[in-house]
Amino acid sequence: MKLYISGKITGDKNYRKKFAAAEKHLINAGYEVVNPAKLCGADTDWNKAMRICIKAMMDCDGVALLGDWKNSTGARTEHDLGLDVGMQAVPIWYWLGRASELRG
């Protein structure tokens, strides 16, 4: 199962560390992960970054929401779009709790 990490990036100086930690936990739980913090450079325009990230999200099976996702316009967009196209867009702890069950 492939998951997209969604959370606040704009205005968060430590977003790369936060997303890397989430990625590590999800990979250790057996998921394939798309980390948007790795998809764009720091100088990428927000609109362009969203188009790149949403494109990558559409190849995923679900969205793993970080705790601050509601404080981010981009993450709220990813959450809503994910739900609109039938993906589960739920907190990361949900995915980590279901990891053994999903592996069979």
N, C-alpha and C. Protein backbone atom coordinates (compact mmCIF):
# COMPACT_ATOMS: atom_id res chain seq x y z
N MET A 1 0.85 -1.18 0.00
CA MET A 1 0.00 0.00 0.00
C MET A 1 0.89 1.24 0.00
N LYS A 2 0.51 2.20 -0.82
CA LYS A 2 1.31 3.42 -0.99
C LYS A 2 0.58 4.60 -0.36
N LEU A 3 1.26 5.31 0.54
CA LEU A 3 0.68 6.43 1.26
C LEU A 3 1.39 7.74 0.94
N TYR A 4 0.61 8.80 0.91
CA TYR A 4 1.09 10.15 0.71
C TYR A 4 1.05 10.86 2.06
N ILE A 5 2.13 11.51 2.46
CA ILE A 5 2.17 12.25 3.72
C ILE A 5 1.66 13.66 3.47
N SER A 6 0.76 14.12 4.32
CA SER A 6 0.20 15.46 4.18
C SER A 6 0.31 16.19 5.52
N GLY A 7 0.84 17.41 5.46
CA GLY A 7 0.96 18.22 6.66
C GLY A 7 1.44 19.61 6.29
N LYS A 8 1.61 20.45 7.29
CA LYS A 8 2.01 21.84 7.07
C LYS A 8 3.48 21.92 6.65
N ILE A 9 3.72 22.62 5.54
CA ILE A 9 5.07 22.88 5.07
C ILE A 9 5.36 24.38 5.12
N THR A 10 4.51 25.18 4.49
CA THR A 10 4.73 26.62 4.43
C THR A 10 4.77 27.22 5.84
N GLY A 11 5.86 27.93 6.12
CA GLY A 11 5.99 28.59 7.41
C GLY A 11 6.57 27.71 8.52
N ASP A 12 6.85 26.45 8.22
CA ASP A 12 7.42 25.54 9.22
C ASP A 12 8.89 25.28 8.87
N LYS A 13 9.79 25.86 9.63
CA LYS A 13 11.22 25.72 9.37
C LYS A 13 11.71 24.28 9.48
N ASN A 14 11.01 23.48 10.27
CA ASN A 14 11.43 22.10 10.52
C ASN A 14 10.63 21.06 9.74
N TYR A 15 9.95 21.50 8.69
CA TYR A 15 9.08 20.56 7.98
C TYR A 15 9.83 19.37 7.41
N ARG A 16 11.04 19.55 6.93
CA ARG A 16 11.78 18.41 6.36
C ARG A 16 12.02 17.32 7.39
N LYS A 17 12.39 17.70 8.61
CA LYS A 17 12.61 16.72 9.69
C LYS A 17 11.30 16.03 10.05
N LYS A 18 10.23 16.79 10.14
CA LYS A 18 8.92 16.26 10.50
C LYS A 18 8.44 15.24 9.46
N PHE A 19 8.58 15.58 8.19
CA PHE A 19 8.16 14.68 7.12
C PHE A 19 9.07 13.46 7.03
N ALA A 20 10.37 13.65 7.26
CA ALA A 20 11.32 12.52 7.23
C ALA A 20 11.00 11.53 8.34
N ALA A 21 10.66 12.03 9.53
CA ALA A 21 10.31 11.14 10.64
C ALA A 21 9.04 10.36 10.32
N ALA A 22 8.05 11.03 9.75
CA ALA A 22 6.80 10.35 9.37
C ALA A 22 7.08 9.29 8.31
N GLU A 23 7.90 9.64 7.34
CA GLU A 23 8.26 8.69 6.28
C GLU A 23 8.94 7.46 6.88
N LYS A 24 9.86 7.66 7.78
CA LYS A 24 10.58 6.55 8.40
C LYS A 24 9.62 5.61 9.14
N HIS A 25 8.71 6.18 9.92
CA HIS A 25 7.73 5.36 10.65
C HIS A 25 6.85 4.56 9.70
N LEU A 26 6.40 5.19 8.64
CA LEU A 26 5.52 4.50 7.69
C LEU A 26 6.27 3.40 6.93
N ILE A 27 7.50 3.68 6.52
CA ILE A 27 8.30 2.66 5.84
C ILE A 27 8.57 1.48 6.77
N ASN A 28 8.91 1.79 8.02
CA ASN A 28 9.15 0.72 9.00
C ASN A 28 7.89 -0.12 9.26
N ALA A 29 6.74 0.48 9.03
CA ALA A 29 5.48 -0.24 9.20
C ALA A 29 5.10 -1.02 7.94
N GLY A 30 5.90 -0.90 6.89
CA GLY A 30 5.67 -1.70 5.68
C GLY A 30 5.01 -1.00 4.52
N TYR A 31 4.84 0.30 4.62
CA TYR A 31 4.20 1.05 3.53
C TYR A 31 5.23 1.57 2.53
N GLU A 32 4.79 1.75 1.31
CA GLU A 32 5.52 2.55 0.33
C GLU A 32 5.06 3.98 0.58
N VAL A 33 5.97 4.95 0.53
CA VAL A 33 5.63 6.30 0.95
C VAL A 33 6.03 7.34 -0.08
N VAL A 34 5.16 8.33 -0.28
CA VAL A 34 5.49 9.52 -1.07
C VAL A 34 5.60 10.67 -0.07
N ASN A 35 6.79 11.25 -0.01
CA ASN A 35 7.08 12.35 0.89
C ASN A 35 7.14 13.64 0.07
N PRO A 36 6.12 14.51 0.16
CA PRO A 36 6.10 15.72 -0.65
C PRO A 36 7.26 16.68 -0.34
N ALA A 37 7.84 16.57 0.84
CA ALA A 37 8.97 17.44 1.18
C ALA A 37 10.18 17.14 0.31
N LYS A 38 10.17 16.00 -0.36
CA LYS A 38 11.27 15.63 -1.25
C LYS A 38 10.97 15.92 -2.72
N LEU A 39 9.75 16.33 -3.01
CA LEU A 39 9.33 16.50 -4.40
C LEU A 39 9.68 17.86 -5.00
N CYS A 40 9.82 18.86 -4.16
CA CYS A 40 10.04 20.22 -4.65
C CYS A 40 11.18 20.88 -3.87
N GLY A 41 11.86 21.80 -4.53
CA GLY A 41 12.89 22.58 -3.87
C GLY A 41 12.28 23.69 -3.04
N ALA A 42 13.06 24.23 -2.13
CA ALA A 42 12.58 25.29 -1.25
C ALA A 42 12.16 26.54 -2.02
N ASP A 43 12.68 26.70 -3.22
CA ASP A 43 12.35 27.88 -4.03
C ASP A 43 11.17 27.67 -4.98
N THR A 44 10.54 26.49 -4.91
CA THR A 44 9.41 26.21 -5.80
C THR A 44 8.19 27.02 -5.38
N ASP A 45 7.59 27.68 -6.32
CA ASP A 45 6.36 28.45 -6.10
C ASP A 45 5.27 27.53 -5.54
N TRP A 46 4.46 28.04 -4.59
CA TRP A 46 3.45 27.23 -3.91
C TRP A 46 2.49 26.57 -4.90
N ASN A 47 2.00 27.33 -5.89
CA ASN A 47 1.06 26.77 -6.86
C ASN A 47 1.68 25.62 -7.66
N LYS A 48 2.91 25.82 -8.09
CA LYS A 48 3.62 24.76 -8.83
C LYS A 48 3.86 23.56 -7.93
N ALA A 49 4.26 23.81 -6.69
CA ALA A 49 4.50 22.71 -5.74
C ALA A 49 3.22 21.90 -5.52
N MET A 50 2.09 22.58 -5.38
CA MET A 50 0.82 21.87 -5.18
C MET A 50 0.48 21.00 -6.39
N ARG A 51 0.72 21.51 -7.59
CA ARG A 51 0.43 20.71 -8.79
C ARG A 51 1.32 19.48 -8.84
N ILE A 52 2.59 19.64 -8.49
CA ILE A 52 3.52 18.50 -8.48
C ILE A 52 3.09 17.48 -7.43
N CYS A 53 2.79 17.97 -6.24
CA CYS A 53 2.45 17.08 -5.13
C CYS A 53 1.11 16.37 -5.33
N ILE A 54 0.13 17.09 -5.82
CA ILE A 54 -1.18 16.47 -6.05
C ILE A 54 -1.08 15.39 -7.13
N LYS A 55 -0.27 15.64 -8.14
CA LYS A 55 -0.05 14.62 -9.17
C LYS A 55 0.51 13.35 -8.54
N ALA A 56 1.49 13.51 -7.66
CA ALA A 56 2.10 12.36 -6.98
C ALA A 56 1.11 11.69 -6.03
N MET A 57 0.28 12.48 -5.37
CA MET A 57 -0.71 11.94 -4.44
C MET A 57 -1.72 11.04 -5.16
N MET A 58 -2.04 11.37 -6.40
CA MET A 58 -3.03 10.60 -7.14
C MET A 58 -2.56 9.18 -7.46
N ASP A 59 -1.28 8.91 -7.34
CA ASP A 59 -0.76 7.57 -7.54
C ASP A 59 -0.73 6.76 -6.24
N CYS A 60 -1.24 7.34 -5.16
CA CYS A 60 -1.21 6.67 -3.85
C CYS A 60 -2.56 6.03 -3.53
N ASP A 61 -2.53 5.18 -2.51
CA ASP A 61 -3.74 4.49 -2.06
C ASP A 61 -4.43 5.21 -0.91
N GLY A 62 -3.68 6.04 -0.19
CA GLY A 62 -4.24 6.74 0.96
C GLY A 62 -3.38 7.93 1.34
N VAL A 63 -3.90 8.74 2.26
CA VAL A 63 -3.21 9.94 2.72
C VAL A 63 -3.00 9.82 4.23
N ALA A 64 -1.75 9.99 4.66
CA ALA A 64 -1.40 9.98 6.08
C ALA A 64 -1.25 11.43 6.54
N LEU A 65 -2.18 11.86 7.37
CA LEU A 65 -2.22 13.25 7.81
C LEU A 65 -1.38 13.45 9.07
N LEU A 66 -0.50 14.45 9.01
CA LEU A 66 0.27 14.81 10.20
C LEU A 66 -0.59 15.67 11.11
N GLY A 67 -0.21 15.81 12.35
CA GLY A 67 -1.03 16.49 13.35
C GLY A 67 -1.39 17.93 13.03
N ASP A 68 -0.60 18.59 12.22
CA ASP A 68 -0.83 20.01 11.92
C ASP A 68 -1.53 20.25 10.59
N TRP A 69 -2.08 19.21 9.99
CA TRP A 69 -2.63 19.34 8.64
C TRP A 69 -3.74 20.38 8.53
N LYS A 70 -4.52 20.58 9.59
CA LYS A 70 -5.62 21.55 9.53
C LYS A 70 -5.13 22.98 9.49
N ASN A 71 -3.85 23.20 9.82
CA ASN A 71 -3.26 24.54 9.80
C ASN A 71 -2.60 24.87 8.46
N SER A 72 -2.88 24.07 7.45
CA SER A 72 -2.24 24.23 6.15
C SER A 72 -3.27 24.22 5.03
N THR A 73 -3.26 25.26 4.23
CA THR A 73 -4.16 25.31 3.08
C THR A 73 -3.89 24.14 2.14
N GLY A 74 -2.62 23.86 1.88
CA GLY A 74 -2.26 22.76 0.98
C GLY A 74 -2.70 21.41 1.52
N ALA A 75 -2.45 21.16 2.78
CA ALA A 75 -2.82 19.86 3.38
C ALA A 75 -4.34 19.71 3.44
N ARG A 76 -5.06 20.78 3.71
CA ARG A 76 -6.53 20.69 3.70
C ARG A 76 -7.03 20.38 2.29
N THR A 77 -6.38 20.96 1.29
CA THR A 77 -6.73 20.67 -0.10
C THR A 77 -6.46 19.20 -0.41
N GLU A 78 -5.30 18.69 0.01
CA GLU A 78 -4.96 17.28 -0.22
C GLU A 78 -5.95 16.36 0.49
N HIS A 79 -6.30 16.69 1.71
CA HIS A 79 -7.29 15.90 2.47
C HIS A 79 -8.62 15.84 1.72
N ASP A 80 -9.13 17.01 1.35
CA ASP A 80 -10.44 17.07 0.68
C ASP A 80 -10.41 16.37 -0.67
N LEU A 81 -9.38 16.59 -1.46
CA LEU A 81 -9.27 15.95 -2.76
C LEU A 81 -9.15 14.44 -2.60
N GLY A 82 -8.35 14.01 -1.64
CA GLY A 82 -8.23 12.57 -1.39
C GLY A 82 -9.59 11.95 -1.11
N LEU A 83 -10.36 12.56 -0.23
CA LEU A 83 -11.70 12.05 0.08
C LEU A 83 -12.60 12.08 -1.15
N ASP A 84 -12.51 13.16 -1.93
CA ASP A 84 -13.34 13.30 -3.13
C ASP A 84 -13.10 12.21 -4.16
N VAL A 85 -11.88 11.67 -4.20
CA VAL A 85 -11.57 10.62 -5.17
C VAL A 85 -11.57 9.22 -4.54
N GLY A 86 -12.11 9.12 -3.33
CA GLY A 86 -12.30 7.81 -2.71
C GLY A 86 -11.12 7.26 -1.92
N MET A 87 -10.15 8.10 -1.61
CA MET A 87 -9.01 7.66 -0.80
C MET A 87 -9.35 7.83 0.68
N GLN A 88 -8.68 7.04 1.52
CA GLN A 88 -8.76 7.30 2.95
C GLN A 88 -7.74 8.38 3.25
N ALA A 89 -8.18 9.45 3.87
CA ALA A 89 -7.30 10.54 4.28
C ALA A 89 -7.48 10.66 5.79
N VAL A 90 -6.61 10.00 6.53
CA VAL A 90 -6.76 9.87 7.98
C VAL A 90 -5.42 10.12 8.68
N PRO A 91 -5.44 10.37 9.99
CA PRO A 91 -4.20 10.63 10.71
C PRO A 91 -3.19 9.49 10.59
N ILE A 92 -1.92 9.87 10.65
CA ILE A 92 -0.83 8.90 10.49
C ILE A 92 -0.94 7.76 11.50
N TRP A 93 -1.39 8.07 12.73
CA TRP A 93 -1.49 7.02 13.75
C TRP A 93 -2.45 5.91 13.32
N TYR A 94 -3.46 6.25 12.53
CA TYR A 94 -4.39 5.24 12.03
C TYR A 94 -3.64 4.23 11.17
N TRP A 95 -2.82 4.74 10.25
CA TRP A 95 -2.07 3.85 9.36
C TRP A 95 -1.07 3.01 10.14
N LEU A 96 -0.40 3.63 11.10
CA LEU A 96 0.58 2.89 11.88
C LEU A 96 -0.09 1.81 12.73
N GLY A 97 -1.28 2.07 13.21
CA GLY A 97 -2.03 1.09 13.99
C GLY A 97 -2.55 -0.06 13.14
N ARG A 98 -2.79 0.18 11.87
CA ARG A 98 -3.33 -0.85 10.98
C ARG A 98 -2.25 -1.60 10.22
N ALA A 99 -1.00 -1.25 10.37
CA ALA A 99 0.07 -1.79 9.55
C ALA A 99 0.11 -3.31 9.57
N SER A 100 0.07 -3.93 10.72
CA SER A 100 0.17 -5.40 10.77
C SER A 100 -1.06 -6.05 10.16
N GLU A 101 -2.20 -5.46 10.37
CA GLU A 101 -3.46 -6.00 9.81
C GLU A 101 -3.44 -5.91 8.28
N LEU A 102 -2.91 -4.81 7.74
CA LEU A 102 -2.89 -4.63 6.30
C LEU A 102 -1.87 -5.55 5.61
N ARG A 103 -0.81 -5.91 6.34
CA ARG A 103 0.19 -6.80 5.77
C ARG A 103 -0.29 -8.24 5.73
N GLY A 104 -1.34 -8.53 6.47
CA GLY A 104 -1.92 -9.87 6.44
C GLY A 104 -1.38 -10.70 7.51
